Amino acid sequence: MAAVKSCATAIAVAAACLTLSAQAPQPSRSQHGRLFPPQDLGLLEAPDRDEWQRPHQILDALGVAEASVVADVGAGSGWFTVRLARRVGPNGKVYAQDVQQEMLAATTRRVRREGLANVTPVLGRGSDPALPAGALDAALVVDVLHEIEDRVTLLANLGRALKPGGLIGIVDFKPGGAGPGPDPDERVPPEDVERDAARAGLVLRRRETFLPFQYFLVFGRQETTAAPGAGTTSARPRGAAPAPPRP
């Protein structure tokens, strides 16, 4: 009889645990896909990464220069953060943004070791990078989009953080399994990124082709130009030819 009571008690405890588990807050996959685990940060520090990542060419393509204000979106270990900080110099500023506090802690330690005083850590949430509006000359998003569920919202928020003429550089791994990077089924095709960026109100400026394992897309905001003799504005991609005058 005691054994029966003991068994019944165990079943009741298990049922209560299942109920509490169902009621507890669950991780939201509407905000993120599969986030990169902080304990694997060493994988981002491959000794040959400089060779295939070509950071200086990426920064050149985005026009990052002395005194620029830039963001490293999804900073991770701070690999790009320190390179951006050196490029913009003491008169520039780098926002090291991530949605994981452990990543920002790792980046902050790295920045301190290298004696850089122009980096500000920013903790984002979901698809909100929490970056100041109209502040950035450039935003760099490297190997991050495959972790984001709502890419349109993220890209729209990044667009709002740009200064007029500012650029967003999206670098991610090409479809297939060549080279380093995530599993093939986790990779986001570049045409999907272009579609999401258009929905976010961004305009594709260039497709850079110098990276061996990744695609590199450069976006900007829709610029507005005043129509002659009118009090309204008309949207026109920056760098596009103006419409011919009416007869």
Protein backbone atom coordinates (compact mmCIF):
# COMPACT_ATOMS: atom_id res chain seq x y z
CA MET A 1 0.00 0.00 0.00
CA ALA A 2 2.87 2.34 0.86
CA ALA A 3 4.42 1.62 -2.53
CA VAL A 4 1.17 2.59 -4.26
CA LYS A 5 1.03 5.87 -2.33
CA SER A 6 4.69 6.57 -3.16
CA CYS A 7 4.06 5.96 -6.86
CA ALA A 8 1.00 8.21 -6.80
CA THR A 9 3.02 10.97 -5.12
CA ALA A 10 5.74 10.72 -7.76
CA ILE A 11 3.19 10.98 -10.55
CA ALA A 12 1.63 14.04 -8.92
CA VAL A 13 5.03 15.74 -8.56
CA ALA A 14 5.89 15.01 -12.21
CA ALA A 15 2.55 16.42 -13.36
CA ALA A 16 3.10 19.57 -11.30
CA CYS A 17 6.56 20.04 -12.83
CA LEU A 18 5.14 19.68 -16.35
CA THR A 19 2.48 22.29 -15.54
CA LEU A 20 5.04 24.75 -14.21
CA SER A 21 7.26 24.16 -17.24
CA ALA A 22 4.38 24.91 -19.60
CA GLN A 23 3.59 28.12 -17.71
CA ALA A 24 7.19 29.35 -17.55
CA PRO A 25 8.32 31.91 -20.18
CA GLN A 26 9.84 30.17 -23.18
CA PRO A 27 12.58 31.55 -25.43
CA SER A 28 11.04 33.55 -28.26
CA ARG A 29 12.04 32.43 -31.74
CA SER A 30 10.16 35.38 -33.20
CA GLN A 31 13.13 37.51 -32.14
CA HIS A 32 16.04 35.25 -33.02
CA GLY A 33 16.86 32.13 -34.86
CA ARG A 34 19.74 30.04 -33.61
CA LEU A 35 22.09 32.41 -31.76
CA PHE A 36 25.81 31.79 -31.86
CA PRO A 37 26.83 30.27 -28.51
CA PRO A 38 29.26 32.48 -26.52
CA GLN A 39 31.31 29.43 -25.47
CA ASP A 40 32.26 28.95 -29.15
CA LEU A 41 33.71 32.44 -29.67
CA GLY A 42 37.12 30.92 -30.29
CA LEU A 43 35.82 29.61 -33.62
CA LEU A 44 35.60 33.22 -34.84
CA GLU A 45 39.31 33.75 -34.29
CA ALA A 46 40.73 31.43 -36.97
CA PRO A 47 44.33 32.45 -37.77
CA ASP A 48 43.55 32.63 -41.49
CA ARG A 49 40.42 34.77 -41.14
CA ASP A 50 42.17 37.98 -42.17
CA GLU A 51 43.05 36.31 -45.48
CA TRP A 52 39.53 35.32 -46.52
CA GLN A 53 37.55 37.97 -44.62
CA ARG A 54 39.51 40.88 -46.13
CA PRO A 55 38.38 43.42 -43.52
CA HIS A 56 40.22 46.40 -44.95
CA GLN A 57 38.55 45.98 -48.33
CA ILE A 58 35.16 45.73 -46.62
CA LEU A 59 35.76 48.94 -44.68
CA ASP A 60 36.99 50.68 -47.82
CA ALA A 61 33.84 49.64 -49.69
CA LEU A 62 31.70 51.18 -46.93
CA GLY A 63 33.71 54.40 -46.90
CA VAL A 64 34.76 53.97 -43.27
CA ALA A 65 37.40 56.60 -42.57
CA GLU A 66 38.92 58.76 -39.84
CA ALA A 67 36.19 60.26 -37.60
CA SER A 68 33.41 58.05 -39.03
CA VAL A 69 30.59 56.90 -36.74
CA VAL A 70 29.89 53.23 -37.36
CA ALA A 71 28.17 50.19 -35.84
CA ASP A 72 29.33 46.59 -35.66
CA VAL A 73 25.95 44.84 -35.56
CA GLY A 74 26.24 41.44 -33.93
CA ALA A 75 29.73 42.23 -32.66
CA GLY A 76 30.32 38.76 -31.21
CA SER A 77 33.95 38.49 -30.11
CA GLY A 78 34.74 42.01 -31.32
CA TRP A 79 36.85 40.82 -34.28
CA PHE A 80 35.51 43.57 -36.53
CA THR A 81 34.91 46.03 -33.68
CA VAL A 82 38.61 46.57 -33.00
CA ARG A 83 39.37 46.94 -36.71
CA LEU A 84 36.63 49.53 -37.05
CA ALA A 85 37.88 51.35 -33.96
CA ARG A 86 41.40 51.58 -35.34
CA ARG A 87 40.11 52.80 -38.69
CA VAL A 88 37.88 55.62 -37.34
CA GLY A 89 40.49 56.76 -34.81
CA PRO A 90 40.00 58.78 -31.63
CA ASN A 91 37.71 61.27 -33.35
CA GLY A 92 35.37 58.54 -34.54
CA LYS A 93 33.00 56.23 -32.72
CA VAL A 94 32.08 52.56 -32.90
CA TYR A 95 28.87 51.11 -31.50
CA ALA A 96 29.55 47.45 -30.67
CA GLN A 97 26.03 46.02 -30.76
CA ASP A 98 24.83 42.57 -29.81
CA VAL A 99 21.75 40.92 -28.28
CA GLN A 100 23.77 38.69 -25.95
CA GLN A 101 25.33 40.26 -22.88
CA GLU A 102 28.08 37.61 -22.88
CA MET A 103 29.17 38.78 -26.35
CA LEU A 104 29.32 42.41 -25.26
CA ALA A 105 31.38 41.42 -22.22
CA ALA A 106 33.85 39.59 -24.46
CA THR A 107 34.07 42.57 -26.84
CA THR A 108 34.53 45.01 -23.95
CA ARG A 109 37.41 42.94 -22.55
CA ARG A 110 39.05 42.87 -25.97
CA VAL A 111 38.66 46.61 -26.49
CA ARG A 112 40.21 47.32 -23.09
CA ARG A 113 43.15 45.01 -23.79
CA GLU A 114 43.84 46.92 -27.00
CA GLY A 115 43.57 50.32 -25.31
CA LEU A 116 40.73 51.58 -27.50
CA ALA A 117 38.56 54.33 -26.01
CA ASN A 118 36.18 54.98 -28.91
CA VAL A 119 33.88 51.94 -28.57
CA THR A 120 30.44 52.01 -26.94
CA PRO A 121 28.70 48.65 -26.21
CA VAL A 122 24.98 48.51 -27.05
CA LEU A 123 22.65 45.72 -25.95
CA GLY A 124 19.87 45.23 -28.50
CA ARG A 125 16.68 43.25 -28.18
CA GLY A 126 15.23 41.07 -30.90
CA SER A 127 15.22 42.95 -34.19
CA ASP A 128 15.75 46.29 -32.45
CA PRO A 129 19.48 47.07 -32.47
CA ALA A 130 18.90 50.02 -30.10
CA LEU A 131 21.12 52.32 -32.14
CA PRO A 132 20.57 56.11 -32.16
CA ALA A 133 18.55 57.47 -35.07
CA GLY A 134 20.42 59.33 -37.81
CA ALA A 135 23.81 58.73 -36.20
CA LEU A 136 25.71 56.31 -38.44
CA ASP A 137 27.91 56.76 -41.47
CA ALA A 138 27.95 52.97 -41.83
CA ALA A 139 26.60 49.82 -40.23
CA LEU A 140 28.40 46.51 -40.72
CA VAL A 141 26.45 43.26 -40.33
CA VAL A 142 28.76 40.25 -40.68
CA ASP A 143 27.51 36.65 -40.45
CA VAL A 144 24.45 37.68 -38.43
CA LEU A 145 21.35 37.65 -40.63
CA HIS A 146 20.99 33.87 -40.54
CA GLU A 147 20.39 34.24 -36.78
CA ILE A 148 17.56 36.78 -37.19
CA GLU A 149 13.94 35.73 -37.63
CA ASP A 150 12.51 39.19 -38.47
CA ARG A 151 15.12 40.51 -40.87
CA VAL A 152 12.84 43.17 -42.37
CA THR A 153 12.38 44.89 -39.01
CA LEU A 154 16.09 44.74 -38.24
CA LEU A 155 17.00 46.25 -41.61
CA ALA A 156 14.35 48.97 -41.27
CA ASN A 157 15.75 49.89 -37.85
CA LEU A 158 19.27 50.01 -39.23
CA GLY A 159 18.06 52.28 -42.02
CA ARG A 160 16.67 54.69 -39.44
CA ALA A 161 20.05 54.74 -37.69
CA LEU A 162 21.85 55.97 -40.83
CA LYS A 163 22.82 59.51 -41.62
CA PRO A 164 21.80 60.75 -45.08
CA GLY A 165 24.08 58.92 -47.49
CA GLY A 166 25.01 56.31 -44.90
CA LEU A 167 25.53 52.69 -45.90
CA ILE A 168 24.71 49.25 -44.54
CA GLY A 169 27.08 46.42 -45.41
CA ILE A 170 25.66 42.90 -45.23
CA VAL A 171 28.26 40.12 -45.28
CA ASP A 172 27.09 36.53 -44.95
CA PHE A 173 28.02 33.08 -46.19
CA LYS A 174 27.10 32.01 -49.68
CA PRO A 175 24.57 29.18 -50.10
CA GLY A 176 26.09 25.71 -50.18
CA GLY A 177 28.70 24.25 -47.89
CA ALA A 178 31.95 25.71 -49.23
CA GLY A 179 34.46 27.20 -46.82
CA PRO A 180 33.84 28.15 -43.19
CA GLY A 181 30.47 29.19 -41.80
CA PRO A 182 27.21 27.63 -40.62
CA ASP A 183 25.57 24.50 -41.98
CA PRO A 184 24.11 24.88 -45.50
CA ASP A 185 20.51 24.77 -44.24
CA GLU A 186 21.17 27.77 -41.94
CA ARG A 187 22.48 30.09 -44.64
CA VAL A 188 20.41 32.95 -46.05
CA PRO A 189 20.60 33.37 -49.85
CA PRO A 190 21.57 36.87 -51.01
CA GLU A 191 18.35 37.25 -53.02
CA ASP A 192 16.36 36.79 -49.79
CA VAL A 193 18.40 39.57 -48.18
CA GLU A 194 17.78 41.87 -51.15
CA ARG A 195 14.05 41.18 -50.97
CA ASP A 196 13.92 41.84 -47.22
CA ALA A 197 15.96 45.03 -47.61
CA ALA A 198 13.58 46.35 -50.27
CA ARG A 199 10.64 45.65 -47.96
CA ALA A 200 12.51 47.58 -45.25
CA GLY A 201 12.77 50.63 -47.51
CA LEU A 202 16.43 50.19 -48.42
CA VAL A 203 18.03 50.45 -51.85
CA LEU A 204 20.77 48.14 -53.12
CA ARG A 205 23.83 50.22 -54.00
CA ARG A 206 26.38 47.54 -54.92
CA ARG A 207 27.11 43.83 -54.94
CA GLU A 208 30.77 43.39 -54.06
CA THR A 209 32.37 40.17 -55.30
CA PHE A 210 35.86 40.10 -53.77
CA LEU A 211 35.07 37.74 -50.86
CA PRO A 212 35.73 34.05 -51.58
CA PHE A 213 33.19 32.44 -49.23
CA GLN A 214 30.69 35.24 -48.56
CA TYR A 215 28.50 37.65 -50.45
CA PHE A 216 28.72 41.37 -49.68
CA LEU A 217 25.71 43.60 -50.31
CA VAL A 218 25.76 47.36 -49.75
CA PHE A 219 22.47 49.15 -49.07
CA GLY A 220 21.39 52.72 -48.43
CA ARG A 221 18.17 54.48 -47.60
CA GLN A 222 15.76 55.86 -50.14
CA GLU A 223 16.83 59.49 -50.47
CA THR A 224 14.25 62.20 -51.03
CA THR A 225 14.69 65.15 -53.35
CA ALA A 226 12.52 68.21 -53.55
CA ALA A 227 10.46 68.47 -56.73
CA PRO A 228 11.01 71.84 -58.48
CA GLY A 229 8.30 74.33 -57.57
CA ALA A 230 6.51 71.88 -55.26
CA GLY A 231 6.23 71.62 -51.53
CA THR A 232 6.47 67.82 -51.50
CA THR A 233 9.37 65.43 -51.92
CA SER A 234 9.85 62.56 -54.30
CA ALA A 235 11.84 59.43 -53.47
CA ARG A 236 14.77 58.60 -55.72
CA PRO A 237 17.62 56.14 -55.08
CA ARG A 238 20.87 57.96 -54.29
CA GLY A 239 23.04 58.03 -57.37
CA ALA A 240 20.18 57.34 -59.77
CA ALA A 241 19.68 59.59 -62.79
CA PRO A 242 17.01 62.28 -62.33
CA ALA A 243 13.79 62.08 -64.30
CA PRO A 244 13.86 64.04 -67.59
CA PRO A 245 12.19 67.47 -67.44
CA ARG A 246 8.61 67.73 -68.63
CA PRO A 247 8.13 69.61 -71.90
